[in-house]
Amino acid sequence: MSCEHKNTVSVSGKCSDLAFVRYHDGTETDGYMPYPGFGLGSGDYVEVTVCIDCGTVIGFDRAKYEEALVNAKEEDE
């Protein structure tokens, strides 16, 4: 049986273009949170919801994460 994510904790923070992201491959960005958001917020906001029963980040989207990483690499060039 899979977790139904009934017990969660949410964290939200406004970073006003002062976010820093380090991707799994070492690519780094600073400024606004990445767009598209991949489940950790976007723009001025860091927003995370975690299931405290299983540890899953609710709403994390791997495809959008990969898209944001490609965008970050293109901006770095």
PDB file of N, CA and C in Angstrom:
ATOM      1  N   MET A   1       0.850  -1.185   0.000  1.00  0.00           N
ATOM      2  CA  MET A   1       0.000   0.000   0.000  1.00  0.00           C
ATOM      3  C   MET A   1       0.895   1.248   0.000  1.00  0.00           C
ATOM      4  N   SER A   2       0.564   2.187  -0.850  1.00  0.00           N
ATOM      5  CA  SER A   2       1.369   3.404  -0.923  1.00  0.00           C
ATOM      6  C   SER A   2       0.878   4.450   0.073  1.00  0.00           C
ATOM      7  N   CYS A   3       1.746   5.388   0.382  1.00  0.00           N
ATOM      8  CA  CYS A   3       1.433   6.446   1.326  1.00  0.00           C
ATOM      9  C   CYS A   3       0.396   7.395   0.729  1.00  0.00           C
ATOM     10  N   GLU A   4      -0.525   7.828   1.526  1.00  0.00           N
ATOM     11  CA  GLU A   4      -1.557   8.768   1.066  1.00  0.00           C
ATOM     12  C   GLU A   4      -1.197  10.216   1.361  1.00  0.00           C
ATOM     13  N   HIS A   5      -0.034  10.448   1.932  1.00  0.00           N
ATOM     14  CA  HIS A   5       0.468  11.798   2.223  1.00  0.00           C
ATOM     15  C   HIS A   5      -0.527  12.628   3.026  1.00  0.00           C
ATOM     16  N   LYS A   6      -1.087  12.032   4.068  1.00  0.00           N
ATOM     17  CA  LYS A   6      -2.056  12.748   4.903  1.00  0.00           C
ATOM     18  C   LYS A   6      -1.386  13.663   5.927  1.00  0.00           C
ATOM     19  N   ASN A   7      -0.153  13.370   6.303  1.00  0.00           N
ATOM     20  CA  ASN A   7       0.565  14.169   7.300  1.00  0.00           C
ATOM     21  C   ASN A   7       1.720  14.886   6.605  1.00  0.00           C
ATOM     22  N   THR A   8       1.568  16.180   6.427  1.00  0.00           N
ATOM     23  CA  THR A   8       2.583  16.935   5.699  1.00  0.00           C
ATOM     24  C   THR A   8       3.040  18.152   6.498  1.00  0.00           C
ATOM     25  N   VAL A   9       4.211  18.643   6.123  1.00  0.00           N
ATOM     26  CA  VAL A   9       4.708  19.911   6.635  1.00  0.00           C
ATOM     27  C   VAL A   9       5.042  20.758   5.411  1.00  0.00           C
ATOM     28  N   SER A  10       4.672  22.022   5.454  1.00  0.00           N
ATOM     29  CA  SER A  10       4.946  22.935   4.348  1.00  0.00           C
ATOM     30  C   SER A  10       5.813  24.085   4.834  1.00  0.00           C
ATOM     31  N   VAL A  11       6.752  24.475   3.984  1.00  0.00           N
ATOM     32  CA  VAL A  11       7.641  25.590   4.278  1.00  0.00           C
ATOM     33  C   VAL A  11       7.591  26.537   3.087  1.00  0.00           C
ATOM     34  N   SER A  12       7.446  27.825   3.362  1.00  0.00           N
ATOM     35  CA  SER A  12       7.416  28.832   2.305  1.00  0.00           C
ATOM     36  C   SER A  12       8.309  29.986   2.720  1.00  0.00           C
ATOM     37  N   GLY A  13       9.084  30.462   1.770  1.00  0.00           N
ATOM     38  CA  GLY A  13       9.944  31.606   2.054  1.00  0.00           C
ATOM     39  C   GLY A  13      10.039  32.500   0.836  1.00  0.00           C
ATOM     40  N   LYS A  14       9.999  33.793   1.059  1.00  0.00           N
ATOM     41  CA  LYS A  14      10.164  34.744  -0.031  1.00  0.00           C
ATOM     42  C   LYS A  14      11.624  35.160  -0.067  1.00  0.00           C
ATOM     43  N   CYS A  15      12.266  34.857  -1.181  1.00  0.00           N
ATOM     44  CA  CYS A  15      13.702  35.151  -1.272  1.00  0.00           C
ATOM     45  C   CYS A  15      13.981  36.386  -2.123  1.00  0.00           C
ATOM     46  N   SER A  16      12.954  36.996  -2.711  1.00  0.00           N
ATOM     47  CA  SER A  16      13.087  38.257  -3.450  1.00  0.00           C
ATOM     48  C   SER A  16      14.329  38.294  -4.327  1.00  0.00           C
ATOM     49  N   ASP A  17      14.416  37.404  -5.249  1.00  0.00           N
ATOM     50  CA  ASP A  17      15.484  37.244  -6.247  1.00  0.00           C
ATOM     51  C   ASP A  17      16.857  36.942  -5.642  1.00  0.00           C
ATOM     52  N   LEU A  18      16.872  36.366  -4.440  1.00  0.00           N
ATOM     53  CA  LEU A  18      18.128  36.007  -3.793  1.00  0.00           C
ATOM     54  C   LEU A  18      18.276  34.493  -3.596  1.00  0.00           C
ATOM     55  N   ALA A  19      17.618  33.709  -4.449  1.00  0.00           N
ATOM     56  CA  ALA A  19      17.698  32.251  -4.335  1.00  0.00           C
ATOM     57  C   ALA A  19      19.012  31.739  -4.915  1.00  0.00           C
ATOM     58  N   PHE A  20      19.468  30.611  -4.408  1.00  0.00           N
ATOM     59  CA  PHE A  20      20.645  29.917  -4.937  1.00  0.00           C
ATOM     60  C   PHE A  20      20.248  28.464  -5.122  1.00  0.00           C
ATOM     61  N   VAL A  21      20.501  27.908  -6.313  1.00  0.00           N
ATOM     62  CA  VAL A  21      20.184  26.512  -6.593  1.00  0.00           C
ATOM     63  C   VAL A  21      21.440  25.823  -7.121  1.00  0.00           C
ATOM     64  N   ARG A  22      21.780  24.673  -6.537  1.00  0.00           N
ATOM     65  CA  ARG A  22      22.849  23.828  -7.061  1.00  0.00           C
ATOM     66  C   ARG A  22      22.185  22.519  -7.504  1.00  0.00           C
ATOM     67  N   TYR A  23      22.250  22.260  -8.802  1.00  0.00           N
ATOM     68  CA  TYR A  23      21.653  21.054  -9.370  1.00  0.00           C
ATOM     69  C   TYR A  23      22.547  19.843  -9.119  1.00  0.00           C
ATOM     70  N   HIS A  24      22.014  18.659  -9.393  1.00  0.00           N
ATOM     71  CA  HIS A  24      22.735  17.414  -9.112  1.00  0.00           C
ATOM     72  C   HIS A  24      24.047  17.293  -9.876  1.00  0.00           C
ATOM     73  N   ASP A  25      24.179  17.974 -11.014  1.00  0.00           N
ATOM     74  CA  ASP A  25      25.402  17.880 -11.806  1.00  0.00           C
ATOM     75  C   ASP A  25      26.396  19.001 -11.503  1.00  0.00           C
ATOM     76  N   GLY A  26      26.078  19.835 -10.502  1.00  0.00           N
ATOM     77  CA  GLY A  26      26.968  20.923 -10.121  1.00  0.00           C
ATOM     78  C   GLY A  26      26.618  22.266 -10.730  1.00  0.00           C
ATOM     79  N   THR A  27      25.696  22.301 -11.691  1.00  0.00           N
ATOM     80  CA  THR A  27      25.243  23.569 -12.260  1.00  0.00           C
ATOM     81  C   THR A  27      24.630  24.416 -11.155  1.00  0.00           C
ATOM     82  N   GLU A  28      24.962  25.701 -11.148  1.00  0.00           N
ATOM     83  CA  GLU A  28      24.474  26.601 -10.105  1.00  0.00           C
ATOM     84  C   GLU A  28      23.782  27.811 -10.725  1.00  0.00           C
ATOM     85  N   THR A  29      22.761  28.294 -10.052  1.00  0.00           N
ATOM     86  CA  THR A  29      22.098  29.532 -10.448  1.00  0.00           C
ATOM     87  C   THR A  29      21.861  30.370  -9.210  1.00  0.00           C
ATOM     88  N   ASP A  30      21.766  31.655  -9.410  1.00  0.00           N
ATOM     89  CA  ASP A  30      21.325  32.520  -8.321  1.00  0.00           C
ATOM     90  C   ASP A  30      20.418  33.583  -8.906  1.00  0.00           C
ATOM     91  N   GLY A  31      19.605  34.144  -8.052  1.00  0.00           N
ATOM     92  CA  GLY A  31      18.585  35.095  -8.489  1.00  0.00           C
ATOM     93  C   GLY A  31      17.219  34.537  -8.154  1.00  0.00           C
ATOM     94  N   TYR A  32      16.323  34.546  -9.128  1.00  0.00           N
ATOM     95  CA  TYR A  32      14.982  34.005  -8.914  1.00  0.00           C
ATOM     96  C   TYR A  32      15.018  32.485  -8.871  1.00  0.00           C
ATOM     97  N   MET A  33      14.020  31.889  -8.221  1.00  0.00           N
ATOM     98  CA  MET A  33      13.854  30.445  -8.275  1.00  0.00           C
ATOM     99  C   MET A  33      13.580  30.066  -9.724  1.00  0.00           C
ATOM    100  N   PRO A  34      14.005  28.880 -10.138  1.00  0.00           N
ATOM    101  CA  PRO A  34      13.874  28.471 -11.536  1.00  0.00           C
ATOM    102  C   PRO A  34      12.433  28.422 -12.016  1.00  0.00           C
ATOM    103  N   TYR A  35      12.264  28.794 -13.270  1.00  0.00           N
ATOM    104  CA  TYR A  35      10.996  28.604 -13.959  1.00  0.00           C
ATOM    105  C   TYR A  35      11.274  27.698 -15.132  1.00  0.00           C
ATOM    106  N   PRO A  36      10.575  26.611 -15.373  1.00  0.00           N
ATOM    107  CA  PRO A  36       9.366  26.252 -14.633  1.00  0.00           C
ATOM    108  C   PRO A  36       9.697  25.738 -13.231  1.00  0.00           C
ATOM    109  N   GLY A  37       8.795  25.993 -12.325  1.00  0.00           N
ATOM    110  CA  GLY A  37       8.955  25.440 -10.985  1.00  0.00           C
ATOM    111  C   GLY A  37       8.851  23.927 -11.070  1.00  0.00           C
ATOM    112  N   PHE A  38       9.608  23.222 -10.241  1.00  0.00           N
ATOM    113  CA  PHE A  38       9.576  21.759 -10.293  1.00  0.00           C
ATOM    114  C   PHE A  38       9.159  21.158  -8.965  1.00  0.00           C
ATOM    115  N   GLY A  39       8.417  21.933  -8.205  1.00  0.00           N
ATOM    116  CA  GLY A  39       7.905  21.420  -6.937  1.00  0.00           C
ATOM    117  C   GLY A  39       8.595  22.013  -5.735  1.00  0.00           C
ATOM    118  N   LEU A  40       9.463  23.000  -5.944  1.00  0.00           N
ATOM    119  CA  LEU A  40      10.152  23.661  -4.837  1.00  0.00           C
ATOM    120  C   LEU A  40       9.922  25.161  -4.862  1.00  0.00           C
ATOM    121  N   GLY A  41       8.905  25.599  -5.610  1.00  0.00           N
ATOM    122  CA  GLY A  41       8.605  27.012  -5.737  1.00  0.00           C
ATOM    123  C   GLY A  41       9.105  27.560  -7.059  1.00  0.00           C
ATOM    124  N   SER A  42       8.886  28.840  -7.288  1.00  0.00           N
ATOM    125  CA  SER A  42       9.410  29.519  -8.473  1.00  0.00           C
ATOM    126  C   SER A  42       9.312  31.018  -8.250  1.00  0.00           C
ATOM    127  N   GLY A  43      10.028  31.768  -9.069  1.00  0.00           N
ATOM    128  CA  GLY A  43      10.009  33.223  -8.935  1.00  0.00           C
ATOM    129  C   GLY A  43      10.654  33.658  -7.637  1.00  0.00           C
ATOM    130  N   ASP A  44       9.932  34.427  -6.843  1.00  0.00           N
ATOM    131  CA  ASP A  44      10.448  34.919  -5.563  1.00  0.00           C
ATOM    132  C   ASP A  44      10.306  33.919  -4.414  1.00  0.00           C
ATOM    133  N   TYR A  45       9.621  32.800  -4.636  1.00  0.00           N
ATOM    134  CA  TYR A  45       9.250  31.938  -3.513  1.00  0.00           C
ATOM    135  C   TYR A  45       9.883  30.557  -3.555  1.00  0.00           C
ATOM    136  N   VAL A  46      10.352  30.122  -2.397  1.00  0.00           N
ATOM    137  CA  VAL A  46      10.723  28.735  -2.160  1.00  0.00           C
ATOM    138  C   VAL A  46       9.545  28.134  -1.408  1.00  0.00           C
ATOM    139  N   GLU A  47       8.967  27.090  -1.956  1.00  0.00           N
ATOM    140  CA  GLU A  47       7.807  26.449  -1.333  1.00  0.00           C
ATOM    141  C   GLU A  47       7.979  24.938  -1.405  1.00  0.00           C
ATOM    142  N   VAL A  48       7.991  24.306  -0.248  1.00  0.00           N
ATOM    143  CA  VAL A  48       8.209  22.870  -0.185  1.00  0.00           C
ATOM    144  C   VAL A  48       7.175  22.256   0.743  1.00  0.00           C
ATOM    145  N   THR A  49       6.575  21.164   0.286  1.00  0.00           N
ATOM    146  CA  THR A  49       5.684  20.372   1.124  1.00  0.00           C
ATOM    147  C   THR A  49       6.233  18.958   1.148  1.00  0.00           C
ATOM    148  N   VAL A  50       6.433  18.437   2.364  1.00  0.00           N
ATOM    149  CA  VAL A  50       7.017  17.112   2.549  1.00  0.00           C
ATOM    150  C   VAL A  50       6.060  16.254   3.358  1.00  0.00           C
ATOM    151  N   CYS A  51       5.875  15.020   2.936  1.00  0.00           N
ATOM    152  CA  CYS A  51       5.099  14.064   3.717  1.00  0.00           C
ATOM    153  C   CYS A  51       5.971  13.600   4.876  1.00  0.00           C
ATOM    154  N   ILE A  52       5.504  13.790   6.106  1.00  0.00           N
ATOM    155  CA  ILE A  52       6.315  13.406   7.262  1.00  0.00           C
ATOM    156  C   ILE A  52       6.254  11.903   7.527  1.00  0.00           C
ATOM    157  N   ASP A  53       5.334  11.196   6.869  1.00  0.00           N
ATOM    158  CA  ASP A  53       5.262   9.747   7.032  1.00  0.00           C
ATOM    159  C   ASP A  53       6.282   9.016   6.153  1.00  0.00           C
ATOM    160  N   CYS A  54       6.441   9.470   4.899  1.00  0.00           N
ATOM    161  CA  CYS A  54       7.330   8.748   3.975  1.00  0.00           C
ATOM    162  C   CYS A  54       8.505   9.572   3.466  1.00  0.00           C
ATOM    163  N   GLY A  55       8.517  10.885   3.738  1.00  0.00           N
ATOM    164  CA  GLY A  55       9.629  11.729   3.322  1.00  0.00           C
ATOM    165  C   GLY A  55       9.564  12.237   1.890  1.00  0.00           C
ATOM    166  N   THR A  56       8.478  11.993   1.194  1.00  0.00           N
ATOM    167  CA  THR A  56       8.331  12.426  -0.197  1.00  0.00           C
ATOM    168  C   THR A  56       8.109  13.933  -0.275  1.00  0.00           C
ATOM    169  N   VAL A  57       8.791  14.581  -1.239  1.00  0.00           N
ATOM    170  CA  VAL A  57       8.521  15.983  -1.524  1.00  0.00           C
ATOM    171  C   VAL A  57       7.283  16.005  -2.419  1.00  0.00           C
ATOM    172  N   ILE A  58       6.189  16.514  -1.893  1.00  0.00           N
ATOM    173  CA  ILE A  58       4.919  16.513  -2.601  1.00  0.00           C
ATOM    174  C   ILE A  58       4.987  17.515  -3.754  1.00  0.00           C
ATOM    175  N   GLY A  59       4.627  17.073  -4.941  1.00  0.00           N
ATOM    176  CA  GLY A  59       4.579  17.958  -6.100  1.00  0.00           C
ATOM    177  C   GLY A  59       5.883  18.056  -6.879  1.00  0.00           C
ATOM    178  N   PHE A  60       6.947  17.353  -6.428  1.00  0.00           N
ATOM    179  CA  PHE A  60       8.200  17.386  -7.181  1.00  0.00           C
ATOM    180  C   PHE A  60       7.962  16.777  -8.554  1.00  0.00           C
ATOM    181  N   ASP A  61       8.428  17.469  -9.593  1.00  0.00           N
ATOM    182  CA  ASP A  61       8.213  17.040 -10.971  1.00  0.00           C
ATOM    183  C   ASP A  61       9.571  16.881 -11.653  1.00  0.00           C
ATOM    184  N   ARG A  62       9.992  15.654 -11.879  1.00  0.00           N
ATOM    185  CA  ARG A  62      11.321  15.382 -12.448  1.00  0.00           C
ATOM    186  C   ARG A  62      11.481  15.990 -13.837  1.00  0.00           C
ATOM    187  N   ALA A  63      10.445  15.920 -14.676  1.00  0.00           N
ATOM    188  CA  ALA A  63      10.536  16.476 -16.029  1.00  0.00           C
ATOM    189  C   ALA A  63      10.756  17.987 -15.983  1.00  0.00           C
ATOM    190  N   LYS A  64      10.047  18.681 -15.092  1.00  0.00           N
ATOM    191  CA  LYS A  64      10.240  20.128 -14.966  1.00  0.00           C
ATOM    192  C   LYS A  64      11.605  20.452 -14.358  1.00  0.00           C
ATOM    193  N   TYR A  65      12.091  19.578 -13.470  1.00  0.00           N
ATOM    194  CA  TYR A  65      13.438  19.745 -12.927  1.00  0.00           C
ATOM    195  C   TYR A  65      14.466  19.696 -14.056  1.00  0.00           C
ATOM    196  N   GLU A  66      14.348  18.691 -14.915  1.00  0.00           N
ATOM    197  CA  GLU A  66      15.281  18.545 -16.035  1.00  0.00           C
ATOM    198  C   GLU A  66      15.195  19.754 -16.974  1.00  0.00           C
ATOM    199  N   GLU A  67      13.986  20.267 -17.202  1.00  0.00           N
ATOM    200  CA  GLU A  67      13.805  21.452 -18.040  1.00  0.00           C
ATOM    201  C   GLU A  67      14.471  22.677 -17.410  1.00  0.00           C
ATOM    202  N   ALA A  68      14.310  22.831 -16.106  1.00  0.00           N
ATOM    203  CA  ALA A  68      14.931  23.958 -15.413  1.00  0.00           C
ATOM    204  C   ALA A  68      16.455  23.847 -15.473  1.00  0.00           C
ATOM    205  N   LEU A  69      16.988  22.625 -15.379  1.00  0.00           N
ATOM    206  CA  LEU A  69      18.426  22.426 -15.472  1.00  0.00           C
ATOM    207  C   LEU A  69      18.935  22.821 -16.852  1.00  0.00           C
ATOM    208  N   VAL A  70      18.228  22.414 -17.906  1.00  0.00           N
ATOM    209  CA  VAL A  70      18.614  22.806 -19.276  1.00  0.00           C
ATOM    210  C   VAL A  70      18.598  24.324 -19.402  1.00  0.00           C
ATOM    211  N   ASN A  71      17.560  24.966 -18.882  1.00  0.00           N
ATOM    212  CA  ASN A  71      17.483  26.432 -18.924  1.00  0.00           C
ATOM    213  C   ASN A  71      18.646  27.078 -18.190  1.00  0.00           C
ATOM    214  N   ALA A  72      19.010  26.521 -17.040  1.00  0.00           N
ATOM    215  CA  ALA A  72      20.115  27.060 -16.252  1.00  0.00           C
ATOM    216  C   ALA A  72      21.433  26.962 -17.014  1.00  0.00           C
ATOM    217  N   LYS A  73      21.637  25.839 -17.698  1.00  0.00           N
ATOM    218  CA  LYS A  73      22.863  25.666 -18.478  1.00  0.00           C
ATOM    219  C   LYS A  73      22.907  26.630 -19.647  1.00  0.00           C
ATOM    220  N   GLU A  74      21.755  26.855 -20.296  1.00  0.00           N
ATOM    221  CA  GLU A  74      21.702  27.785 -21.423  1.00  0.00           C
ATOM    222  C   GLU A  74      21.995  29.212 -20.959  1.00  0.00           C
ATOM    223  N   GLU A  75      21.493  29.586 -19.788  1.00  0.00           N
ATOM    224  CA  GLU A  75      21.729  30.924 -19.260  1.00  0.00           C
ATOM    225  C   GLU A  75      23.197  31.132 -18.883  1.00  0.00           C
ATOM    226  N   ASP A  76      23.872  30.035 -18.536  1.00  0.00           N
ATOM    227  CA  ASP A  76      25.262  30.099 -18.125  1.00  0.00           C
ATOM    228  C   ASP A  76      26.214  30.284 -19.310  1.00  0.00           C
ATOM    229  N   GLU A  77      25.739  29.939 -20.507  1.00  0.00           N
ATOM    230  CA  GLU A  77      26.594  30.010 -21.702  1.00  0.00           C
ATOM    231  C   GLU A  77      26.787  31.413 -22.202  1.00  0.00           C
TER     232      GLU A  77
END
